[in-house]
Amino acid sequence: MYQNLSRIITQLLENETSVLLIPIQLPPNYGQIYTAKFQEVYQRLAEEHEVVAGKFLLDGIALKTDLMQADGIHPKANAQKLILDNIWPFLQPVLDGQNIDSKS
């Protein structure tokens, strides 16, 4: 995962494309060690490539059954506005062509 994402980010940056890295989180049933190492990949990529890592798409959503499908992994349509709210502060500057602080 790290190598694939790193190559993608490198190619984007070489083509002077703005990069916004949106982390995903694994469900806790993968185990604490595995999920922690998975999350660390995003932090490492953001630091090494000096790109912004946004917020987890489902932050504040994933544990609310009224916003998630029965599988507990995928959001329902009524969660879409909240997902946008989670990433908009990171995405808007990119769309506006502004550099955004990678420490956000």
N, C-alpha and C. Protein backbone atom coordinates (compact mmCIF):
# COMPACT_ATOMS: atom_id res chain seq x y z
N MET A 1 0.83 -1.20 0.00
CA MET A 1 0.00 0.00 0.00
C MET A 1 0.87 1.26 0.00
N TYR A 2 1.87 1.25 0.89
CA TYR A 2 2.75 2.41 0.97
C TYR A 2 3.42 2.68 -0.38
N GLN A 3 4.00 1.66 -0.96
CA GLN A 3 4.73 1.84 -2.22
C GLN A 3 3.81 2.32 -3.34
N ASN A 4 2.63 1.75 -3.43
CA ASN A 4 1.69 2.16 -4.48
C ASN A 4 1.26 3.61 -4.31
N LEU A 5 0.88 3.99 -3.10
CA LEU A 5 0.47 5.37 -2.85
C LEU A 5 1.63 6.33 -3.05
N SER A 6 2.81 5.92 -2.64
CA SER A 6 3.99 6.78 -2.80
C SER A 6 4.27 7.04 -4.28
N ARG A 7 4.17 6.00 -5.10
CA ARG A 7 4.38 6.17 -6.55
C ARG A 7 3.33 7.10 -7.14
N ILE A 8 2.09 6.94 -6.73
CA ILE A 8 1.02 7.80 -7.25
C ILE A 8 1.28 9.26 -6.88
N ILE A 9 1.61 9.49 -5.62
CA ILE A 9 1.88 10.85 -5.16
C ILE A 9 3.07 11.44 -5.91
N THR A 10 4.13 10.65 -6.07
CA THR A 10 5.32 11.12 -6.79
C THR A 10 4.96 11.53 -8.21
N GLN A 11 4.19 10.71 -8.90
CA GLN A 11 3.80 11.04 -10.27
C GLN A 11 2.96 12.30 -10.33
N LEU A 12 2.05 12.45 -9.39
CA LEU A 12 1.23 13.65 -9.36
C LEU A 12 2.08 14.90 -9.13
N LEU A 13 2.98 14.81 -8.18
CA LEU A 13 3.83 15.96 -7.87
C LEU A 13 4.77 16.29 -9.03
N GLU A 14 5.27 15.26 -9.70
CA GLU A 14 6.14 15.49 -10.86
C GLU A 14 5.39 16.22 -11.97
N ASN A 15 4.08 16.04 -12.01
CA ASN A 15 3.25 16.71 -13.01
C ASN A 15 2.61 17.98 -12.46
N GLU A 16 3.17 18.46 -11.35
CA GLU A 16 2.72 19.71 -10.72
C GLU A 16 1.23 19.70 -10.41
N THR A 17 0.78 18.56 -9.93
CA THR A 17 -0.61 18.40 -9.53
C THR A 17 -0.71 18.50 -8.01
N SER A 18 -1.67 19.24 -7.52
CA SER A 18 -1.88 19.33 -6.08
C SER A 18 -2.36 17.98 -5.55
N VAL A 19 -1.88 17.64 -4.39
CA VAL A 19 -2.23 16.35 -3.79
C VAL A 19 -2.89 16.58 -2.43
N LEU A 20 -4.01 15.96 -2.26
CA LEU A 20 -4.68 15.91 -0.97
C LEU A 20 -4.85 14.45 -0.63
N LEU A 21 -4.16 13.99 0.37
CA LEU A 21 -4.20 12.60 0.79
C LEU A 21 -5.31 12.43 1.82
N ILE A 22 -6.29 11.62 1.49
CA ILE A 22 -7.42 11.40 2.39
C ILE A 22 -7.26 10.02 3.04
N PRO A 23 -6.94 9.99 4.32
CA PRO A 23 -6.75 8.71 4.98
C PRO A 23 -8.05 7.94 5.16
N ILE A 24 -7.92 6.65 5.14
CA ILE A 24 -9.04 5.76 5.46
C ILE A 24 -8.63 4.99 6.71
N GLN A 25 -9.60 4.57 7.46
CA GLN A 25 -9.31 3.77 8.65
C GLN A 25 -9.96 2.41 8.50
N LEU A 26 -9.30 1.43 9.06
CA LEU A 26 -9.84 0.07 9.03
C LEU A 26 -10.75 -0.16 10.22
N PRO A 27 -11.71 -1.05 10.07
CA PRO A 27 -12.54 -1.41 11.22
C PRO A 27 -11.67 -2.05 12.31
N PRO A 28 -12.07 -1.92 13.56
CA PRO A 28 -11.25 -2.42 14.66
C PRO A 28 -11.05 -3.94 14.67
N ASN A 29 -11.87 -4.67 13.93
CA ASN A 29 -11.72 -6.13 13.95
C ASN A 29 -10.43 -6.61 13.26
N TYR A 30 -9.70 -5.70 12.62
CA TYR A 30 -8.40 -6.06 12.05
C TYR A 30 -7.32 -6.13 13.12
N GLY A 31 -7.61 -5.65 14.29
CA GLY A 31 -6.65 -5.68 15.38
C GLY A 31 -5.95 -4.34 15.54
N GLN A 32 -5.62 -4.03 16.79
CA GLN A 32 -5.05 -2.72 17.12
C GLN A 32 -3.70 -2.48 16.44
N ILE A 33 -2.83 -3.46 16.43
CA ILE A 33 -1.50 -3.27 15.84
C ILE A 33 -1.61 -3.03 14.34
N TYR A 34 -2.39 -3.84 13.65
CA TYR A 34 -2.53 -3.71 12.20
C TYR A 34 -3.17 -2.37 11.83
N THR A 35 -4.24 -2.01 12.53
CA THR A 35 -4.91 -0.75 12.19
C THR A 35 -4.02 0.45 12.48
N ALA A 36 -3.23 0.39 13.54
CA ALA A 36 -2.32 1.50 13.85
C ALA A 36 -1.25 1.64 12.77
N LYS A 37 -0.68 0.53 12.34
CA LYS A 37 0.34 0.57 11.29
C LYS A 37 -0.26 1.04 9.97
N PHE A 38 -1.49 0.66 9.71
CA PHE A 38 -2.19 1.10 8.51
C PHE A 38 -2.33 2.63 8.51
N GLN A 39 -2.76 3.19 9.64
CA GLN A 39 -2.93 4.64 9.76
C GLN A 39 -1.60 5.37 9.66
N GLU A 40 -0.55 4.78 10.18
CA GLU A 40 0.77 5.40 10.13
C GLU A 40 1.26 5.61 8.70
N VAL A 41 0.82 4.76 7.78
CA VAL A 41 1.22 4.88 6.39
C VAL A 41 0.85 6.26 5.85
N TYR A 42 -0.34 6.72 6.16
CA TYR A 42 -0.79 8.03 5.66
C TYR A 42 0.03 9.17 6.23
N GLN A 43 0.32 9.09 7.51
CA GLN A 43 1.14 10.12 8.14
C GLN A 43 2.54 10.15 7.52
N ARG A 44 3.09 8.97 7.33
CA ARG A 44 4.43 8.86 6.74
C ARG A 44 4.46 9.42 5.32
N LEU A 45 3.47 9.06 4.52
CA LEU A 45 3.40 9.55 3.15
C LEU A 45 3.28 11.08 3.12
N ALA A 46 2.43 11.62 3.96
CA ALA A 46 2.24 13.07 4.00
C ALA A 46 3.54 13.78 4.36
N GLU A 47 4.24 13.25 5.35
CA GLU A 47 5.49 13.87 5.78
C GLU A 47 6.58 13.73 4.71
N GLU A 48 6.74 12.56 4.17
CA GLU A 48 7.81 12.32 3.21
C GLU A 48 7.61 13.09 1.90
N HIS A 49 6.37 13.22 1.48
CA HIS A 49 6.09 13.91 0.21
C HIS A 49 5.69 15.37 0.41
N GLU A 50 5.60 15.77 1.68
CA GLU A 50 5.20 17.13 2.04
C GLU A 50 3.87 17.50 1.39
N VAL A 51 2.91 16.62 1.57
CA VAL A 51 1.55 16.86 1.09
C VAL A 51 0.61 16.87 2.29
N VAL A 52 -0.56 17.39 2.08
CA VAL A 52 -1.54 17.48 3.14
C VAL A 52 -2.28 16.15 3.29
N ALA A 53 -2.40 15.72 4.51
CA ALA A 53 -3.25 14.57 4.82
C ALA A 53 -4.51 15.15 5.44
N GLY A 54 -5.61 14.93 4.78
CA GLY A 54 -6.88 15.44 5.28
C GLY A 54 -7.39 14.62 6.44
N LYS A 55 -8.63 14.76 6.68
CA LYS A 55 -9.31 14.09 7.78
C LYS A 55 -9.93 12.79 7.27
N PHE A 56 -10.06 11.81 8.14
CA PHE A 56 -10.76 10.56 7.83
C PHE A 56 -12.17 10.90 7.36
N LEU A 57 -12.53 10.41 6.19
CA LEU A 57 -13.83 10.73 5.59
C LEU A 57 -15.01 10.50 6.53
N LEU A 58 -14.93 9.43 7.28
CA LEU A 58 -16.07 9.04 8.11
C LEU A 58 -15.93 9.44 9.57
N ASP A 59 -15.07 10.41 9.84
CA ASP A 59 -14.90 10.89 11.21
C ASP A 59 -16.23 11.43 11.72
N GLY A 60 -16.69 10.93 12.85
CA GLY A 60 -17.96 11.36 13.41
C GLY A 60 -19.17 10.73 12.73
N ILE A 61 -18.92 9.84 11.79
CA ILE A 61 -20.00 9.22 11.02
C ILE A 61 -20.00 7.71 11.22
N ALA A 62 -18.81 7.11 11.19
CA ALA A 62 -18.67 5.66 11.14
C ALA A 62 -19.37 4.90 12.27
N LEU A 63 -19.49 5.50 13.42
CA LEU A 63 -20.10 4.79 14.55
C LEU A 63 -21.58 5.10 14.73
N LYS A 64 -22.15 5.84 13.81
CA LYS A 64 -23.57 6.20 13.91
C LYS A 64 -24.38 5.33 12.95
N THR A 65 -25.14 4.42 13.51
CA THR A 65 -25.86 3.44 12.70
C THR A 65 -26.86 4.09 11.74
N ASP A 66 -27.38 5.24 12.10
CA ASP A 66 -28.33 5.91 11.20
C ASP A 66 -27.65 6.50 9.97
N LEU A 67 -26.31 6.59 9.99
CA LEU A 67 -25.57 7.14 8.86
C LEU A 67 -24.83 6.06 8.06
N MET A 68 -24.84 4.83 8.56
CA MET A 68 -24.08 3.76 7.93
C MET A 68 -25.00 2.65 7.42
N GLN A 69 -24.57 2.02 6.32
CA GLN A 69 -25.32 0.90 5.79
C GLN A 69 -25.20 -0.29 6.74
N ALA A 70 -25.98 -1.30 6.49
CA ALA A 70 -26.04 -2.47 7.38
C ALA A 70 -24.69 -3.16 7.55
N ASP A 71 -23.80 -3.04 6.56
CA ASP A 71 -22.48 -3.68 6.68
C ASP A 71 -21.58 -2.97 7.68
N GLY A 72 -21.99 -1.76 8.11
CA GLY A 72 -21.20 -1.01 9.08
C GLY A 72 -19.92 -0.41 8.51
N ILE A 73 -19.74 -0.52 7.21
CA ILE A 73 -18.51 -0.03 6.57
C ILE A 73 -18.79 1.14 5.63
N HIS A 74 -19.90 1.07 4.95
CA HIS A 74 -20.21 2.08 3.93
C HIS A 74 -21.29 3.05 4.40
N PRO A 75 -21.08 4.33 4.12
CA PRO A 75 -22.06 5.34 4.57
C PRO A 75 -23.32 5.33 3.69
N LYS A 76 -24.39 5.79 4.29
CA LYS A 76 -25.65 5.97 3.57
C LYS A 76 -25.63 7.33 2.87
N ALA A 77 -26.63 7.54 2.04
CA ALA A 77 -26.73 8.80 1.30
C ALA A 77 -26.83 9.99 2.26
N ASN A 78 -27.50 9.82 3.40
CA ASN A 78 -27.66 10.94 4.32
C ASN A 78 -26.36 11.33 5.03
N ALA A 79 -25.29 10.56 4.83
CA ALA A 79 -23.99 10.90 5.41
C ALA A 79 -23.13 11.74 4.47
N GLN A 80 -23.55 11.87 3.22
CA GLN A 80 -22.70 12.51 2.23
C GLN A 80 -22.36 13.96 2.57
N LYS A 81 -23.31 14.72 3.06
CA LYS A 81 -23.06 16.11 3.44
C LYS A 81 -22.02 16.17 4.56
N LEU A 82 -22.11 15.24 5.49
CA LEU A 82 -21.15 15.22 6.60
C LEU A 82 -19.76 14.84 6.13
N ILE A 83 -19.69 13.95 5.15
CA ILE A 83 -18.39 13.58 4.56
C ILE A 83 -17.77 14.81 3.91
N LEU A 84 -18.57 15.54 3.16
CA LEU A 84 -18.07 16.78 2.55
C LEU A 84 -17.59 17.75 3.62
N ASP A 85 -18.35 17.87 4.69
CA ASP A 85 -17.93 18.76 5.78
C ASP A 85 -16.58 18.34 6.35
N ASN A 86 -16.31 17.04 6.38
CA ASN A 86 -15.03 16.55 6.91
C ASN A 86 -13.85 16.92 6.03
N ILE A 87 -14.04 16.91 4.72
CA ILE A 87 -12.89 17.14 3.85
C ILE A 87 -12.84 18.54 3.24
N TRP A 88 -13.94 19.26 3.27
CA TRP A 88 -13.98 20.57 2.61
C TRP A 88 -12.89 21.53 3.07
N PRO A 89 -12.59 21.62 4.37
CA PRO A 89 -11.53 22.55 4.78
C PRO A 89 -10.17 22.23 4.15
N PHE A 90 -9.96 20.98 3.78
CA PHE A 90 -8.72 20.57 3.14
C PHE A 90 -8.82 20.68 1.61
N LEU A 91 -10.00 20.40 1.09
CA LEU A 91 -10.20 20.37 -0.36
C LEU A 91 -10.36 21.75 -0.98
N GLN A 92 -11.07 22.64 -0.33
CA GLN A 92 -11.34 23.95 -0.91
C GLN A 92 -10.07 24.70 -1.31
N PRO A 93 -9.05 24.77 -0.46
CA PRO A 93 -7.83 25.47 -0.88
C PRO A 93 -7.18 24.83 -2.11
N VAL A 94 -7.26 23.52 -2.21
CA VAL A 94 -6.69 22.85 -3.38
C VAL A 94 -7.45 23.25 -4.63
N LEU A 95 -8.76 23.25 -4.54
CA LEU A 95 -9.59 23.63 -5.69
C LEU A 95 -9.39 25.09 -6.07
N ASP A 96 -9.10 25.91 -5.08
CA ASP A 96 -8.87 27.33 -5.33
C ASP A 96 -7.44 27.61 -5.79
N GLY A 97 -6.65 26.56 -5.91
CA GLY A 97 -5.28 26.72 -6.37
C GLY A 97 -4.32 27.27 -5.33
N GLN A 98 -4.72 27.18 -4.09
CA GLN A 98 -3.87 27.69 -3.01
C GLN A 98 -3.02 26.57 -2.44
N ASN A 99 -1.86 26.92 -1.96
CA ASN A 99 -1.07 25.96 -1.20
C ASN A 99 -1.72 25.86 0.16
N ILE A 100 -1.80 24.65 0.66
CA ILE A 100 -2.37 24.49 1.99
C ILE A 100 -1.31 23.92 2.91
N ASP A 101 -1.40 24.29 4.14
CA ASP A 101 -0.43 23.91 5.15
C ASP A 101 -0.50 22.42 5.40
N SER A 102 0.61 21.71 5.17
CA SER A 102 0.64 20.27 5.34
C SER A 102 0.56 19.85 6.80
N LYS A 103 0.56 20.80 7.70
CA LYS A 103 0.45 20.48 9.12
C LYS A 103 -0.99 20.52 9.60
N SER A 104 -1.95 20.83 8.74
CA SER A 104 -3.37 20.94 9.13
C SER A 104 -3.91 19.63 9.62
